[in-house]
N, C-alpha and C. Protein backbone atom coordinates (compact mmCIF):
# COMPACT_ATOMS: atom_id res chain seq x y z
N MET A 1 59.52 78.38 213.07
CA MET A 1 59.57 79.01 214.09
C MET A 1 58.06 80.23 214.02
N LYS A 2 58.11 80.70 213.32
CA LYS A 2 56.84 81.79 212.96
C LYS A 2 55.58 81.61 213.01
N GLU A 3 55.64 79.45 212.80
CA GLU A 3 53.81 79.68 214.10
C GLU A 3 53.80 79.10 215.18
N LEU A 4 55.13 79.87 216.02
CA LEU A 4 55.46 79.22 217.42
C LEU A 4 55.25 81.21 217.98
N PHE A 5 55.05 81.87 217.53
CA PHE A 5 55.47 83.86 218.02
C PHE A 5 54.36 83.80 218.82
N ASP A 6 52.47 83.72 218.39
CA ASP A 6 51.78 83.63 219.21
C ASP A 6 51.28 82.98 219.94
N ASP A 7 51.89 82.08 220.45
CA ASP A 7 52.08 81.14 221.63
C ASP A 7 52.75 82.09 222.93
N LEU A 8 54.27 82.19 222.19
CA LEU A 8 55.52 82.94 222.72
C LEU A 8 55.10 83.87 223.29
N ASP A 9 54.87 85.41 222.31
CA ASP A 9 53.87 86.65 222.74
C ASP A 9 53.37 86.48 223.52
N ARG A 10 52.27 85.34 223.91
CA ARG A 10 51.50 85.03 225.45
C ARG A 10 51.71 84.99 226.19
N TRP A 11 53.22 83.97 226.18
CA TRP A 11 53.55 83.01 227.62
C TRP A 11 55.04 83.73 228.23
N ARG A 12 55.02 85.14 227.65
CA ARG A 12 56.34 85.85 227.47
C ARG A 12 55.27 87.00 228.19
N ALA A 13 54.25 87.87 228.07
CA ALA A 13 53.75 88.79 228.56
C ALA A 13 52.54 87.72 229.75
N ALA A 14 53.19 86.56 230.08
CA ALA A 14 52.05 85.45 231.84
C ALA A 14 53.67 85.48 232.18
N GLY A 15 54.97 85.12 231.68
CA GLY A 15 55.45 85.27 232.25
C GLY A 15 55.79 83.61 232.94
N THR A 16 55.32 83.01 231.62
CA THR A 16 55.81 81.40 231.26
C THR A 16 56.87 80.70 231.44
N ARG A 17 57.06 80.08 231.51
CA ARG A 17 59.05 79.06 231.67
C ARG A 17 59.15 79.06 230.81
N VAL A 18 59.89 78.50 229.23
CA VAL A 18 59.19 77.42 228.55
C VAL A 18 60.84 77.01 227.93
N ALA A 19 61.26 75.51 227.31
CA ALA A 19 62.10 75.20 226.16
C ALA A 19 61.83 75.06 225.28
N ILE A 20 61.97 75.29 224.08
CA ILE A 20 62.60 74.99 222.45
C ILE A 20 63.54 74.05 222.37
N ALA A 21 62.46 72.90 221.48
CA ALA A 21 62.56 72.20 220.93
C ALA A 21 63.48 72.18 219.28
N ARG A 22 64.46 72.81 218.79
CA ARG A 22 64.80 72.01 218.00
C ARG A 22 65.72 70.83 216.63
N VAL A 23 63.93 70.66 215.51
CA VAL A 23 65.35 69.92 214.38
C VAL A 23 66.33 70.43 213.98
N VAL A 24 67.90 69.75 214.11
CA VAL A 24 69.08 70.72 214.46
C VAL A 24 69.60 69.55 212.83
N ASP A 25 68.84 68.10 212.75
CA ASP A 25 69.98 67.02 211.98
C ASP A 25 69.30 66.41 211.93
N LEU A 26 69.13 65.91 210.26
CA LEU A 26 68.35 64.32 210.12
C LEU A 26 69.16 62.95 209.54
N GLU A 27 69.07 62.30 209.63
CA GLU A 27 69.30 61.37 208.68
C GLU A 27 68.23 60.45 208.19
N GLY A 28 68.58 60.12 207.49
CA GLY A 28 67.71 59.45 206.46
C GLY A 28 65.88 59.84 205.88
N SER A 29 65.11 59.23 205.98
CA SER A 29 64.31 59.96 206.09
C SER A 29 63.07 60.36 207.57
N GLY A 30 62.03 61.17 207.51
CA GLY A 30 62.12 62.20 209.22
C GLY A 30 60.41 63.33 208.59
N PRO A 31 59.53 63.42 209.34
CA PRO A 31 57.80 63.43 209.35
C PRO A 31 58.60 64.94 208.78
N ARG A 32 59.93 66.29 209.68
CA ARG A 32 60.50 67.26 209.60
C ARG A 32 61.65 67.53 209.42
N LEU A 33 61.79 68.62 208.40
CA LEU A 33 62.79 69.33 208.10
C LEU A 33 63.91 69.90 209.20
N PRO A 34 65.67 70.04 208.90
CA PRO A 34 65.86 70.88 209.79
C PRO A 34 65.33 72.55 210.00
N GLY A 35 65.47 72.68 211.58
CA GLY A 35 64.45 74.10 211.87
C GLY A 35 63.83 74.22 212.03
N ALA A 36 62.80 72.68 211.77
CA ALA A 36 61.07 72.91 212.53
C ALA A 36 61.19 72.40 214.15
N ALA A 37 60.53 72.99 214.92
CA ALA A 37 60.46 74.24 215.87
C ALA A 37 59.47 73.68 216.93
N MET A 38 58.92 73.24 218.46
CA MET A 38 58.54 72.28 219.51
C MET A 38 59.00 73.63 220.63
N ALA A 39 57.70 74.34 220.72
CA ALA A 39 58.05 75.14 221.94
C ALA A 39 57.27 73.60 223.65
N VAL A 40 57.39 74.93 224.83
CA VAL A 40 56.50 73.48 226.03
C VAL A 40 56.66 74.12 227.13
N THR A 41 56.18 74.44 227.78
CA THR A 41 56.05 75.54 228.83
C THR A 41 56.32 74.55 229.95
N GLU A 42 56.29 75.31 231.31
CA GLU A 42 56.83 74.52 232.17
C GLU A 42 55.23 73.30 232.76
N ASP A 43 54.41 73.84 232.47
CA ASP A 43 52.80 73.20 232.48
C ASP A 43 52.76 72.22 231.85
N GLY A 44 53.38 72.52 231.26
CA GLY A 44 53.41 71.20 230.04
C GLY A 44 52.13 71.82 228.16
N GLU A 45 52.15 72.55 228.23
CA GLU A 45 51.04 73.56 227.28
C GLU A 45 52.12 73.09 226.25
N VAL A 46 51.76 72.90 224.88
CA VAL A 46 52.68 72.91 223.74
C VAL A 46 52.13 72.80 222.39
N ALA A 47 53.59 73.80 221.05
CA ALA A 47 53.14 74.27 220.76
C ALA A 47 54.11 73.98 219.19
N GLY A 48 53.64 74.32 218.12
CA GLY A 48 54.83 73.29 217.06
C GLY A 48 54.54 72.00 217.58
N SER A 49 55.91 71.93 216.35
CA SER A 49 55.71 70.27 215.82
C SER A 49 57.12 69.96 215.51
N VAL A 50 58.28 68.70 215.66
CA VAL A 50 59.23 68.27 215.58
C VAL A 50 59.04 67.03 215.11
N SER A 51 58.10 66.32 215.29
CA SER A 51 57.80 65.18 214.49
C SER A 51 56.62 64.68 213.33
N GLY A 52 55.98 65.55 213.30
CA GLY A 52 54.43 65.65 213.25
C GLY A 52 53.46 64.84 214.17
N GLY A 53 54.37 64.25 215.39
CA GLY A 53 53.23 63.60 216.33
C GLY A 53 54.23 62.03 216.94
N CYS A 54 54.87 61.80 216.03
CA CYS A 54 55.56 60.49 216.06
C CYS A 54 56.14 60.26 217.43
N VAL A 55 57.05 61.55 217.64
CA VAL A 55 58.16 61.43 218.97
C VAL A 55 57.64 62.56 219.79
N GLU A 56 56.81 63.07 219.91
CA GLU A 56 56.25 64.65 220.70
C GLU A 56 56.42 64.38 221.87
N GLY A 57 55.27 63.23 222.32
CA GLY A 57 55.63 62.58 224.02
C GLY A 57 56.69 62.84 224.99
N ALA A 58 58.06 62.32 223.64
CA ALA A 58 59.19 61.77 224.62
C ALA A 58 59.72 63.13 224.13
N VAL A 59 59.29 64.41 223.68
CA VAL A 59 60.27 65.80 223.66
C VAL A 59 59.73 66.32 224.51
N VAL A 60 58.17 66.13 224.93
CA VAL A 60 57.21 67.27 226.66
C VAL A 60 58.22 66.80 226.90
N VAL A 61 58.89 65.23 227.99
CA VAL A 61 59.05 64.84 229.31
C VAL A 61 60.67 65.33 228.58
N GLU A 62 61.54 65.70 228.21
CA GLU A 62 63.14 66.03 227.95
C GLU A 62 62.90 67.71 227.84
N ALA A 63 61.72 67.81 227.52
CA ALA A 63 61.92 70.03 228.07
C ALA A 63 61.09 70.27 228.93
N LEU A 64 60.29 69.00 229.80
CA LEU A 64 60.46 69.08 230.90
C LEU A 64 61.66 69.80 232.39
N ASP A 65 62.31 68.02 231.60
CA ASP A 65 63.30 68.46 232.42
C ASP A 65 64.45 68.96 232.32
N VAL A 66 64.83 69.71 230.50
CA VAL A 66 65.10 71.23 230.41
C VAL A 66 64.93 72.13 231.63
N LEU A 67 63.78 72.15 231.81
CA LEU A 67 63.55 74.13 232.09
C LEU A 67 63.53 73.68 234.25
N THR A 68 63.34 71.95 234.30
CA THR A 68 63.72 71.72 235.55
C THR A 68 66.04 71.89 235.81
N THR A 69 66.40 71.34 235.23
CA THR A 69 67.81 71.61 235.29
C THR A 69 68.38 72.65 235.02
N GLY A 70 67.48 73.14 234.45
CA GLY A 70 68.04 74.37 233.01
C GLY A 70 69.22 74.15 231.63
N ASP A 71 69.51 72.74 232.01
CA ASP A 71 70.11 72.69 230.56
C ASP A 71 70.28 71.94 229.74
N ARG A 72 70.51 72.15 228.56
CA ARG A 72 70.55 72.25 227.81
C ARG A 72 71.08 71.07 226.91
N ARG A 73 70.23 70.50 225.65
CA ARG A 73 70.93 69.06 225.39
C ARG A 73 70.27 69.09 224.22
N ILE A 74 71.16 67.79 223.66
CA ILE A 74 70.61 67.14 222.30
C ILE A 74 70.28 66.11 222.51
N VAL A 75 68.95 65.42 222.21
CA VAL A 75 69.03 64.07 221.66
C VAL A 75 68.01 63.90 220.93
N THR A 76 68.29 62.10 220.84
CA THR A 76 68.91 61.49 219.10
C THR A 76 67.05 60.89 219.73
N PHE A 77 66.63 60.51 218.33
CA PHE A 77 65.93 59.70 218.33
C PHE A 77 66.17 58.63 216.79
N GLY A 78 65.76 57.74 217.04
CA GLY A 78 65.86 56.99 215.69
C GLY A 78 65.45 55.97 215.71
N TYR A 79 65.16 54.55 214.45
CA TYR A 79 64.04 53.75 214.25
C TYR A 79 64.47 52.89 215.36
N SER A 80 66.44 52.82 215.92
CA SER A 80 66.97 51.59 215.96
C SER A 80 66.75 52.03 217.19
N ASP A 81 65.93 52.95 218.55
CA ASP A 81 66.53 52.94 219.24
C ASP A 81 65.13 53.03 219.96
N ASP A 82 65.40 51.72 221.05
CA ASP A 82 64.19 50.81 221.06
C ASP A 82 63.11 52.23 222.39
N GLU A 83 63.27 53.16 222.71
CA GLU A 83 62.76 53.50 223.81
C GLU A 83 62.09 55.07 222.05
N ALA A 84 62.64 55.35 220.86
CA ALA A 84 62.06 55.92 220.19
C ALA A 84 60.35 55.73 219.50
N PHE A 85 61.33 53.98 218.76
CA PHE A 85 60.22 52.98 218.72
C PHE A 85 59.44 53.18 218.93
N ALA A 86 59.04 52.87 220.81
CA ALA A 86 58.51 52.88 221.87
C ALA A 86 57.33 53.89 221.72
N VAL A 87 57.96 54.74 221.42
CA VAL A 87 56.91 56.67 221.10
C VAL A 87 56.31 56.76 219.89
N GLY A 88 56.96 55.27 218.87
CA GLY A 88 56.36 55.97 217.75
C GLY A 88 57.27 56.77 216.71
N LEU A 89 58.38 57.03 216.80
CA LEU A 89 59.21 56.64 215.52
C LEU A 89 59.48 55.54 214.68
N THR A 90 59.00 55.24 213.31
CA THR A 90 58.69 54.38 212.21
C THR A 90 59.27 54.82 210.99
N CYS A 91 59.02 56.27 211.01
CA CYS A 91 60.02 56.48 210.39
C CYS A 91 61.16 55.84 208.61
N GLY A 92 61.93 55.80 209.79
CA GLY A 92 63.43 55.13 209.43
C GLY A 92 64.68 56.10 209.78
N GLY A 93 64.36 57.11 209.81
CA GLY A 93 65.34 58.17 210.47
C GLY A 93 65.61 57.78 211.42
N THR A 94 66.45 58.82 211.27
CA THR A 94 66.95 59.38 212.77
C THR A 94 67.17 61.21 212.57
N LEU A 95 67.03 61.57 214.04
CA LEU A 95 65.94 62.86 214.60
C LEU A 95 67.35 62.92 215.16
N HIS A 96 67.72 64.68 215.10
CA HIS A 96 68.37 64.82 215.97
C HIS A 96 68.01 66.07 216.56
N LEU A 97 67.47 66.38 218.28
CA LEU A 97 67.08 67.82 218.19
C LEU A 97 67.99 68.02 220.01
N TYR A 98 67.72 69.95 219.11
CA TYR A 98 68.39 70.75 220.89
C TYR A 98 67.56 71.39 220.92
N ILE A 99 67.56 71.29 222.09
CA ILE A 99 66.62 71.78 223.88
C ILE A 99 66.78 72.32 224.34
N GLU A 100 66.56 73.17 224.84
CA GLU A 100 67.06 74.53 225.81
C GLU A 100 65.33 75.46 226.16
N PRO A 101 65.81 75.90 227.18
CA PRO A 101 64.92 76.90 228.01
C PRO A 101 65.67 78.70 227.38
N LEU A 102 64.40 78.55 226.53
CA LEU A 102 63.81 80.79 226.34
C LEU A 102 64.16 81.65 227.00
N ASP A 103 65.62 82.06 227.59
CA ASP A 103 64.96 83.37 227.86
C ASP A 103 65.14 84.20 228.23
N TRP A 104 63.80 84.51 228.23
CA TRP A 104 62.98 85.71 227.59
C TRP A 104 64.28 87.29 227.54
């Protein structure tokens, strides 16, 4: 999260809506450990990383939907998940993320 502070401060000052995605669990091998975080603005600007790039695009889509609906959610990407494989999670593990809108 510390890597996000400067961007979060800037977005808060601008009144920009933001969703935060956090790695909450990892089964098997994975690119980032639990606690890794990524922030996505309502305009699609991104800071941080939850997967080292292999599922970031899909996480942005989920985060934008969270901003639209306001619904928090846990999403899972894993090697056996065809959609996750299509976006590049080939690490062999399963990544669980918690995505929520940031309440300033």
